[in-house]
Amino acid sequence: MAENSLLNRLDGIEARFAEVSTLITDPAVIADMKRYVRLNKEYRELEKLTSATRRYKSLLNDISEAKELLDAESDPEIRQMAHEQLDMATSALPQLEEEIKILLIPADPEDSKNAIVEIRGGTGGDEAALFAGDLFKMYTKYCEQKGWQVAVTSFNEGTAGGFKEIVFAVSGDNVYGTLKYESGVHRVQRVPATETQGRVHTSAATVAVLPEAEAFDVEINEGEIKWETFRSGGAGGQNVNKVESGVRLRYMWKNPVTGQTDEILIECTETRDQPKNKERALSRLRTFIYDKEHQKYVDDIASRRKTLVSTGDRSAKIRTYNFPQGRITDHRINYTIYNLQAFIDGDIQDCIDHLIIAENSEKLKEAEL
């Protein structure tokens, strides 16, 4: 019965895959960039599902053939082959069924996007800024392991090191779909370098991971953007002080949720090239607006899936880093491990994998699969 139910859900998948395969080669579709990108994403999802569907049907066919042989044949060798075929197909079936059920869940359209990550030191003063710096290093090392590109957009250093805040873009494969679980408040418990009595202090930093908006995701009247240029501060020799490479944009935007018109202010001093800084400031503006306009959709998902505290309530405490005990605890799924140093060095994939599994379990319940 479960087989029939799953086959019913798979009905039409291959036909739709063939249809989308044709559509993405149509010049009229290619000219409509928004539709073309959407269909390409659907194509990639259907390609995986079609492949799994064909394997599933092949296994069911192997089981059926093996059973027929066992009913009809008396030859010991043929029966032995039939038993082996039946055992192999039957043992492979449950795992493939679970894989298909996950693939049948509609993917979050944001997952394939690049991401903008913002880390801000919270309670704890200098120690919070140092911890924000540690988190930045952790994500940088993790991104290196994944082969992703990291580009710092802006930062404000702490007086004792680290960052009061740092904003960076991450580009690569399925970046937002992976890093979205990191949004929220990260709490650290350790003896600060400035502590003379050896007492353990608790401080925190906030991480926000936003899907990077494409140019066609939001509408911006670039003629209404007010640009200012200024000299970047920091290291870099005379060029930094003499050339106005830093850019600042101001844009009046009407919030569709509140109806209020707010001024958005964005600065970018990432490079010594003013045009590149303008381009990156525009990217941050698009991402900011896109994030605000999609917040209701995101909140709705988060309210139904506790593992996505990340994308909903960004003030929620999601993880504690306890240095005296060498312990990491993710409070959303009661995940605890004792390899804190490796974790801080970028070994965070296992935690993310557990969050993905927990989220998929909730999605399966929701979809009644």
Protein backbone atom coordinates (compact mmCIF):
# COMPACT_ATOMS: atom_id res chain seq x y z
CA MET A 1 0.00 0.00 0.00
CA ALA A 2 2.87 2.34 0.89
CA GLU A 3 4.44 1.50 -2.48
CA ASN A 4 1.24 2.40 -4.36
CA SER A 5 0.85 5.61 -2.37
CA LEU A 6 4.41 6.68 -3.16
CA LEU A 7 4.03 5.71 -6.82
CA ASN A 8 0.88 7.83 -7.00
CA ARG A 9 2.83 10.81 -5.71
CA LEU A 10 5.54 10.16 -8.32
CA ASP A 11 3.00 10.03 -11.13
CA GLY A 12 3.73 12.72 -13.71
CA ILE A 13 7.26 13.53 -12.46
CA GLU A 14 9.01 12.26 -15.60
CA ALA A 15 6.52 14.03 -17.88
CA ARG A 16 7.07 17.34 -16.06
CA PHE A 17 10.85 16.83 -16.22
CA ALA A 18 10.63 16.37 -20.00
CA GLU A 19 8.44 19.50 -20.27
CA VAL A 20 10.83 21.67 -18.21
CA SER A 21 13.81 20.28 -20.17
CA THR A 22 12.21 21.64 -23.33
CA LEU A 23 11.14 24.96 -21.82
CA ILE A 24 14.64 25.97 -20.65
CA THR A 25 15.86 25.80 -24.26
CA ASP A 26 13.03 28.06 -25.52
CA PRO A 27 14.40 31.52 -26.53
CA ALA A 28 11.24 33.22 -25.20
CA VAL A 29 11.80 31.64 -21.77
CA ILE A 30 15.52 32.49 -21.78
CA ALA A 31 14.61 36.14 -22.47
CA ASP A 32 12.46 36.20 -19.31
CA MET A 33 15.28 35.94 -16.76
CA LYS A 34 13.05 35.53 -13.71
CA ARG A 35 11.14 32.63 -15.29
CA TYR A 36 14.31 31.10 -16.72
CA VAL A 37 16.03 31.01 -13.31
CA ARG A 38 12.91 29.55 -11.67
CA LEU A 39 12.64 26.81 -14.32
CA ASN A 40 16.35 25.99 -14.03
CA LYS A 41 15.93 25.44 -10.29
CA GLU A 42 12.89 23.24 -10.97
CA TYR A 43 14.91 21.32 -13.58
CA ARG A 44 17.69 20.54 -11.08
CA GLU A 45 15.15 19.38 -8.47
CA LEU A 46 13.22 17.25 -10.98
CA GLU A 47 16.44 15.74 -12.34
CA LYS A 48 17.25 14.26 -8.91
CA LEU A 49 13.65 13.13 -8.36
CA THR A 50 13.38 11.57 -11.84
CA SER A 51 16.61 9.63 -11.31
CA ALA A 52 15.39 8.37 -7.91
CA THR A 53 11.97 7.51 -9.39
CA ARG A 54 13.55 5.37 -12.12
CA ARG A 55 15.70 3.53 -9.55
CA TYR A 56 12.63 2.99 -7.37
CA LYS A 57 10.57 1.54 -10.22
CA SER A 58 13.53 -0.66 -11.17
CA LEU A 59 13.74 -2.05 -7.62
CA LEU A 60 10.00 -2.74 -7.52
CA ASN A 61 10.32 -4.51 -10.86
CA ASP A 62 13.26 -6.60 -9.53
CA ILE A 63 11.17 -7.63 -6.50
CA SER A 64 8.21 -8.56 -8.66
CA GLU A 65 10.36 -10.61 -11.06
CA ALA A 66 12.13 -12.41 -8.20
CA LYS A 67 8.82 -13.36 -6.58
CA GLU A 68 7.45 -14.67 -9.88
CA LEU A 69 10.57 -16.81 -10.38
CA LEU A 70 10.30 -18.25 -6.87
CA ASP A 71 6.65 -19.15 -7.50
CA ALA A 72 7.30 -20.70 -10.91
CA GLU A 73 10.80 -22.23 -10.77
CA SER A 74 12.04 -25.37 -9.07
CA ASP A 75 15.64 -25.22 -10.36
CA PRO A 76 17.89 -24.63 -7.28
CA GLU A 77 20.32 -22.30 -9.09
CA ILE A 78 17.55 -20.09 -10.52
CA ARG A 79 15.81 -20.01 -7.13
CA GLN A 80 19.12 -19.06 -5.46
CA MET A 81 19.56 -16.16 -7.96
CA ALA A 82 15.96 -15.09 -7.38
CA HIS A 83 16.47 -15.11 -3.59
CA GLU A 84 19.61 -12.96 -3.94
CA GLN A 85 17.83 -10.52 -6.25
CA LEU A 86 14.87 -10.28 -3.87
CA ASP A 87 17.11 -9.74 -0.82
CA MET A 88 19.18 -7.02 -2.53
CA ALA A 89 16.15 -5.12 -3.86
CA THR A 90 14.18 -5.45 -0.61
CA SER A 91 17.09 -4.20 1.53
CA ALA A 92 17.73 -1.22 -0.79
CA LEU A 93 14.07 -0.17 -0.96
CA PRO A 94 13.54 1.54 2.47
CA GLN A 95 16.53 3.89 2.12
CA LEU A 96 15.47 4.88 -1.42
CA GLU A 97 11.90 5.47 -0.21
CA GLU A 98 13.18 7.88 2.46
CA GLU A 99 15.34 9.66 -0.13
CA ILE A 100 12.32 10.08 -2.43
CA LYS A 101 10.11 11.34 0.40
CA ILE A 102 12.68 14.07 1.15
CA LEU A 103 12.91 14.97 -2.54
CA LEU A 104 9.12 15.20 -2.76
CA ILE A 105 9.09 17.98 -0.16
CA PRO A 106 9.09 21.32 -2.02
CA ALA A 107 12.53 22.90 -1.63
CA ASP A 108 12.80 26.32 -0.04
CA PRO A 109 13.28 28.62 -3.07
CA GLU A 110 15.86 30.58 -1.07
CA ASP A 111 18.17 27.63 -0.37
CA SER A 112 20.17 27.80 -3.60
CA LYS A 113 21.00 31.49 -3.14
CA ASN A 114 24.26 32.99 -1.94
CA ALA A 115 24.17 34.56 1.52
CA ILE A 116 24.93 37.78 3.35
CA VAL A 117 26.12 37.07 6.90
CA GLU A 118 26.07 39.69 9.66
CA ILE A 119 27.81 39.04 13.01
CA ARG A 120 27.36 41.53 15.85
CA GLY A 121 28.84 41.46 19.32
CA GLY A 122 26.05 41.48 21.92
CA THR A 123 26.16 41.56 25.70
CA GLY A 124 29.64 41.27 27.16
CA GLY A 125 31.57 44.32 25.89
CA ASP A 126 35.10 43.56 24.66
CA GLU A 127 34.63 39.83 25.22
CA ALA A 128 31.53 39.84 22.96
CA ALA A 129 33.55 41.54 20.20
CA LEU A 130 36.31 38.94 20.59
CA PHE A 131 33.72 36.16 20.37
CA ALA A 132 32.21 37.76 17.24
CA GLY A 133 35.74 37.61 15.79
CA ASP A 134 36.00 33.92 16.71
CA LEU A 135 32.69 33.21 14.99
CA PHE A 136 33.88 35.01 11.86
CA LYS A 137 37.05 32.88 11.79
CA MET A 138 34.93 29.75 12.34
CA TYR A 139 32.69 30.52 9.37
CA THR A 140 35.65 31.55 7.20
CA LYS A 141 37.36 28.20 7.83
CA TYR A 142 34.11 26.31 7.22
CA CYS A 143 33.57 28.16 3.93
CA GLU A 144 37.13 27.30 2.86
CA GLN A 145 36.38 23.61 3.49
CA LYS A 146 33.24 23.89 1.34
CA GLY A 147 35.07 25.70 -1.46
CA TRP A 148 32.91 28.83 -1.02
CA GLN A 149 34.09 32.39 -1.60
CA VAL A 150 33.98 34.91 1.27
CA ALA A 151 34.06 38.68 0.69
CA VAL A 152 33.94 41.09 3.65
CA THR A 153 31.63 44.04 2.95
CA SER A 154 32.10 46.10 6.10
CA PHE A 155 33.38 45.78 9.65
CA ASN A 156 33.82 47.69 12.88
CA GLU A 157 36.68 46.40 15.04
CA GLY A 158 36.44 46.01 18.80
CA THR A 159 38.77 48.00 21.07
CA ALA A 160 40.43 44.80 22.35
CA GLY A 161 40.23 42.92 19.05
CA GLY A 162 37.54 41.01 17.24
CA PHE A 163 34.57 42.89 15.79
CA LYS A 164 31.73 44.94 17.14
CA GLU A 165 30.12 43.96 13.86
CA ILE A 166 31.20 42.43 10.55
CA VAL A 167 29.22 41.84 7.35
CA PHE A 168 30.38 39.46 4.64
CA ALA A 169 29.02 37.79 1.51
CA VAL A 170 29.39 34.06 0.86
CA SER A 171 29.00 32.63 -2.64
CA GLY A 172 28.96 29.01 -3.75
CA ASP A 173 26.63 26.03 -4.06
CA ASN A 174 23.52 25.98 -1.82
CA VAL A 175 25.08 28.51 0.58
CA TYR A 176 21.94 29.95 2.16
CA GLY A 177 20.33 26.50 2.45
CA THR A 178 23.30 25.43 4.59
CA LEU A 179 24.16 28.56 6.59
CA LYS A 180 20.57 29.58 7.42
CA TYR A 181 20.72 27.34 10.51
CA GLU A 182 23.36 29.65 12.02
CA SER A 183 21.00 32.63 12.46
CA GLY A 184 20.32 33.51 16.07
CA VAL A 185 22.13 34.31 19.31
CA HIS A 186 25.37 32.42 20.01
CA ARG A 187 26.40 32.40 23.69
CA VAL A 188 29.94 31.84 24.95
CA GLN A 189 31.04 30.88 28.47
CA ARG A 190 34.76 31.27 29.15
CA VAL A 191 37.40 33.17 31.10
CA PRO A 192 38.06 36.39 29.15
CA ALA A 193 41.64 37.39 28.39
CA THR A 194 40.98 40.57 30.39
CA GLU A 195 39.80 38.67 33.49
CA THR A 196 42.45 38.64 36.24
CA GLN A 197 40.52 36.54 38.78
CA GLY A 198 39.98 33.57 36.45
CA ARG A 199 36.20 33.86 36.60
CA VAL A 200 34.03 32.46 33.81
CA HIS A 201 31.99 35.14 32.02
CA THR A 202 29.00 34.75 29.72
CA SER A 203 28.70 36.91 26.63
CA ALA A 204 26.96 36.66 23.28
CA ALA A 205 27.03 37.53 19.61
CA THR A 206 24.18 37.63 17.12
CA VAL A 207 24.42 36.01 13.69
CA ALA A 208 21.98 36.87 10.89
CA VAL A 209 22.14 34.93 7.62
CA LEU A 210 20.16 36.47 4.77
CA PRO A 211 19.57 35.10 1.26
CA GLU A 212 21.37 37.35 -1.23
CA ALA A 213 18.86 38.90 -3.60
CA GLU A 214 19.36 38.78 -7.35
CA ALA A 215 18.93 41.99 -9.36
CA PHE A 216 15.53 40.80 -10.64
CA ASP A 217 14.20 39.74 -7.20
CA VAL A 218 13.45 43.29 -6.08
CA GLU A 219 12.61 46.54 -7.80
CA ILE A 220 14.83 49.51 -6.95
CA ASN A 221 14.63 52.93 -8.56
CA GLU A 222 18.36 53.56 -8.85
CA GLY A 223 17.69 57.17 -9.82
CA GLU A 224 16.44 57.79 -6.28
CA ILE A 225 19.60 56.49 -4.61
CA LYS A 226 21.74 59.22 -3.06
CA TRP A 227 25.43 58.36 -3.26
CA GLU A 228 28.22 59.77 -1.14
CA THR A 229 31.91 58.94 -1.27
CA PHE A 230 34.47 59.16 1.52
CA ARG A 231 38.02 58.17 2.33
CA SER A 232 38.36 54.71 3.82
CA GLY A 233 40.12 54.37 7.15
CA GLY A 234 42.47 51.64 8.30
CA ALA A 235 45.68 50.12 6.99
CA GLY A 236 46.70 50.46 3.37
CA GLY A 237 49.13 53.31 3.04
CA GLN A 238 48.63 56.71 1.47
CA ASN A 239 46.11 55.47 -1.11
CA VAL A 240 43.51 54.78 1.57
CA ASN A 241 43.75 58.32 2.94
CA LYS A 242 43.85 60.17 -0.40
CA VAL A 243 41.34 58.31 -2.58
CA GLU A 244 37.61 58.45 -1.85
CA SER A 245 36.97 54.76 -2.48
CA GLY A 246 34.41 54.23 0.30
CA VAL A 247 30.76 54.63 -0.72
CA ARG A 248 27.61 55.38 1.23
CA LEU A 249 24.11 55.07 -0.21
CA ARG A 250 20.84 56.45 1.09
CA TYR A 251 17.54 55.13 -0.20
CA MET A 252 13.97 55.92 0.84
CA TRP A 253 11.95 52.72 0.89
CA LYS A 254 8.31 52.05 1.77
CA ASN A 255 7.93 48.97 3.96
CA PRO A 256 5.03 46.93 2.49
CA VAL A 257 4.27 45.37 5.88
CA THR A 258 4.14 48.53 8.05
CA GLY A 259 3.38 51.06 5.31
CA GLN A 260 6.10 53.35 6.72
CA THR A 261 8.77 54.97 4.58
CA ASP A 262 12.25 54.47 6.01
CA GLU A 263 15.68 55.65 4.99
CA ILE A 264 18.11 52.81 4.35
CA LEU A 265 21.77 53.70 4.92
CA ILE A 266 24.49 51.35 3.67
CA GLU A 267 28.27 51.83 3.64
CA CYS A 268 30.85 49.76 1.80
CA THR A 269 34.61 50.13 2.14
CA GLU A 270 35.58 46.62 1.13
CA THR A 271 37.89 47.44 -1.79
CA ARG A 272 39.94 50.41 -3.03
CA ASP A 273 37.85 50.33 -6.21
CA GLN A 274 34.89 52.72 -5.89
CA PRO A 275 32.78 51.07 -8.66
CA LYS A 276 33.18 47.66 -6.99
CA ASN A 277 32.15 49.13 -3.64
CA LYS A 278 29.07 50.67 -5.32
CA GLU A 279 28.16 47.30 -6.81
CA ARG A 280 28.47 45.57 -3.44
CA ALA A 281 26.51 48.30 -1.65
CA LEU A 282 23.71 47.81 -4.22
CA SER A 283 23.80 44.06 -3.57
CA ARG A 284 23.37 44.68 0.16
CA LEU A 285 20.49 47.09 -0.53
CA ARG A 286 18.71 44.48 -2.65
CA THR A 287 19.27 41.82 0.02
CA PHE A 288 18.00 44.10 2.80
CA ILE A 289 14.78 44.92 0.93
CA TYR A 290 14.28 41.33 -0.20
CA ASP A 291 14.71 40.11 3.37
CA LYS A 292 12.18 42.59 4.76
CA GLU A 293 9.60 41.90 2.03
CA HIS A 294 9.87 38.13 2.57
CA GLN A 295 9.92 38.23 6.38
CA LYS A 296 6.24 37.27 6.71
CA TYR A 297 6.81 34.19 4.55
CA VAL A 298 9.93 33.30 6.53
CA ASP A 299 8.19 33.82 9.91
CA ASP A 300 5.38 31.52 8.83
CA ILE A 301 7.87 28.72 8.05
CA ALA A 302 9.73 29.30 11.32
CA SER A 303 6.54 29.18 13.39
CA ARG A 304 5.84 25.70 12.04
CA ARG A 305 9.38 24.32 12.19
CA LYS A 306 11.31 24.78 15.41
CA THR A 307 14.61 23.92 13.71
CA LEU A 308 14.27 27.06 11.65
CA VAL A 309 14.47 29.41 14.62
CA SER A 310 17.31 30.70 12.48
CA THR A 311 15.23 32.33 9.78
CA GLY A 312 12.44 33.53 12.04
CA ASP A 313 13.26 34.85 15.49
CA ARG A 314 16.83 36.09 15.24
CA SER A 315 16.85 37.01 18.93
CA ALA A 316 16.51 33.37 20.01
CA LYS A 317 19.45 31.71 21.76
CA ILE A 318 20.43 28.81 19.52
CA ARG A 319 23.84 27.60 20.72
CA THR A 320 26.20 27.72 23.71
CA TYR A 321 30.01 27.41 23.50
CA ASN A 322 31.27 26.35 26.95
CA PHE A 323 35.08 26.58 26.99
CA PRO A 324 35.77 25.23 30.54
CA GLN A 325 33.93 22.00 29.63
CA GLY A 326 34.97 22.00 25.94
CA ARG A 327 31.27 21.65 25.14
CA ILE A 328 29.03 22.80 22.29
CA THR A 329 25.24 22.64 22.79
CA ASP A 330 22.66 23.47 20.12
CA HIS A 331 19.47 24.16 22.06
CA ARG A 332 17.06 23.67 19.15
CA ILE A 333 17.67 19.93 18.86
CA ASN A 334 19.45 19.14 22.17
CA TYR A 335 22.67 18.43 20.29
CA THR A 336 25.76 18.30 22.54
CA ILE A 337 29.34 17.40 21.65
CA TYR A 338 32.69 17.86 23.41
CA ASN A 339 35.03 18.91 20.58
CA LEU A 340 34.79 22.67 21.01
CA GLN A 341 38.22 23.52 19.60
CA ALA A 342 37.58 21.58 16.39
CA PHE A 343 34.16 23.24 16.13
CA ILE A 344 35.64 26.72 16.49
CA ASP A 345 38.17 25.72 13.82
CA GLY A 346 35.32 25.26 11.33
CA ASP A 347 34.26 21.66 11.94
CA ILE A 348 30.54 22.50 12.15
CA GLN A 349 29.13 20.23 9.42
CA ASP A 350 27.97 17.49 11.80
CA CYS A 351 25.84 19.96 13.76
CA ILE A 352 24.34 21.36 10.53
CA ASP A 353 23.64 17.80 9.32
CA HIS A 354 21.71 17.06 12.54
CA LEU A 355 19.69 20.26 12.08
CA ILE A 356 18.89 19.30 8.48
CA ILE A 357 17.76 15.82 9.60
CA ALA A 358 15.56 17.34 12.31
CA GLU A 359 14.05 19.80 9.86
CA ASN A 360 13.40 17.08 7.28
CA SER A 361 11.63 14.99 9.92
CA GLU A 362 9.29 17.86 10.64
CA LYS A 363 8.74 18.48 6.95
CA LEU A 364 7.83 14.81 6.44
CA LYS A 365 5.28 14.98 9.27
CA GLU A 366 3.88 18.18 7.83
CA ALA A 367 3.57 16.66 4.35
CA GLU A 368 2.19 13.41 5.84
CA LEU A 369 4.74 11.33 3.93
